[in-house]
Amino acid sequence: MAEQDCMSRLGGWEGYRVRKWRHEPRGERRWLVIELEPLRQAQHCCVGCAQVVAAVHDRTMRCVRDLPVFGDPVELHVPRLRLA
């Protein structure tokens, strides 16, 4: 658990926390893969009208490249929420 807290502080992904992370060999490089999850207390706002929305309609996973950490390339796995 302490490792996840340290990784969360390192990244600073607002509204998310690190669920888990791992190193993954890809060809000749080692990648750092970080899986994020939304904070439970975070409010979800509609990007169109900026209103707070409680219901989540759908959830998909996005894989996003981020800045390197200690020389390792980083890939974030971020759940994307569609709000009802």
Protein backbone atom coordinates (compact mmCIF):
# COMPACT_ATOMS: atom_id res chain seq x y z
CA MET A 1 0.00 0.00 0.00
CA ALA A 2 2.84 2.41 0.80
CA GLU A 3 4.30 1.90 -2.69
CA GLN A 4 1.00 2.97 -4.28
CA ASP A 5 0.91 6.10 -2.09
CA CYS A 6 4.47 7.01 -3.12
CA MET A 7 3.64 6.45 -6.80
CA SER A 8 0.48 8.58 -6.47
CA ARG A 9 2.49 11.45 -5.03
CA LEU A 10 5.10 11.11 -7.75
CA GLY A 11 2.53 11.41 -10.55
CA GLY A 12 0.10 13.95 -9.15
CA TRP A 13 -2.90 12.73 -11.19
CA GLU A 14 -5.68 14.89 -9.77
CA GLY A 15 -8.89 12.99 -9.01
CA TYR A 16 -7.17 9.59 -9.30
CA ARG A 17 -5.13 7.26 -7.17
CA VAL A 18 -2.74 4.48 -8.19
CA ARG A 19 -4.51 1.11 -8.06
CA LYS A 20 -1.36 -0.83 -8.98
CA TRP A 21 1.80 -0.54 -11.05
CA ARG A 22 4.29 -2.88 -12.68
CA HIS A 23 7.33 -2.99 -14.93
CA GLU A 24 6.70 -4.59 -18.31
CA PRO A 25 9.39 -5.61 -20.83
CA ARG A 26 8.63 -4.40 -24.37
CA GLY A 27 11.33 -5.21 -26.86
CA GLU A 28 14.58 -3.86 -25.49
CA ARG A 29 12.91 -1.30 -23.19
CA ARG A 30 11.35 -1.67 -19.78
CA TRP A 31 8.05 0.22 -19.41
CA LEU A 32 6.41 1.39 -16.22
CA VAL A 33 2.66 0.64 -16.45
CA ILE A 34 0.50 2.49 -13.91
CA GLU A 35 -3.17 1.64 -13.42
CA LEU A 36 -5.22 4.52 -12.04
CA GLU A 37 -8.70 4.57 -10.52
CA PRO A 38 -10.92 7.56 -9.73
CA LEU A 39 -11.08 8.71 -6.13
CA ARG A 40 -14.38 7.74 -4.55
CA GLN A 41 -14.99 11.19 -3.08
CA ALA A 42 -14.27 12.98 -6.38
CA GLN A 43 -17.28 14.65 -7.98
CA HIS A 44 -17.96 13.96 -11.65
CA CYS A 45 -18.80 17.01 -13.76
CA CYS A 46 -20.29 17.12 -17.24
CA VAL A 47 -17.75 18.58 -19.67
CA GLY A 48 -20.59 20.21 -21.65
CA CYS A 49 -22.54 22.04 -18.92
CA ALA A 50 -20.17 21.75 -15.91
CA GLN A 51 -22.98 20.36 -13.72
CA VAL A 52 -22.18 17.72 -11.09
CA VAL A 53 -23.49 14.31 -12.21
CA ALA A 54 -23.91 11.28 -9.94
CA ALA A 55 -24.72 8.54 -12.48
CA VAL A 56 -22.03 6.85 -14.57
CA HIS A 57 -23.37 5.54 -17.88
CA ASP A 58 -20.31 3.68 -19.15
CA ARG A 59 -16.64 3.07 -18.34
CA THR A 60 -13.85 2.39 -20.84
CA MET A 61 -10.11 2.05 -20.34
CA ARG A 62 -7.71 4.48 -22.00
CA CYS A 63 -4.00 3.81 -22.36
CA VAL A 64 -2.02 7.06 -22.37
CA ARG A 65 1.72 7.66 -22.57
CA ASP A 66 3.07 9.96 -19.89
CA LEU A 67 6.42 11.51 -19.07
CA PRO A 68 9.24 9.09 -18.20
CA VAL A 69 9.87 8.18 -14.56
CA PHE A 70 13.50 7.51 -13.62
CA GLY A 71 14.32 6.93 -17.30
CA ASP A 72 11.55 4.38 -17.92
CA PRO A 73 8.80 5.26 -20.40
CA VAL A 74 5.37 5.37 -18.73
CA GLU A 75 1.98 4.15 -19.86
CA LEU A 76 -1.10 5.08 -17.81
CA HIS A 77 -4.22 2.93 -17.80
CA VAL A 78 -6.98 5.42 -16.98
CA PRO A 79 -10.70 4.60 -16.76
CA ARG A 80 -12.76 7.06 -18.79
CA LEU A 81 -16.24 7.61 -17.45
CA ARG A 82 -19.25 8.53 -19.59
CA LEU A 83 -21.78 10.30 -17.42
CA ALA A 84 -25.54 9.97 -17.66
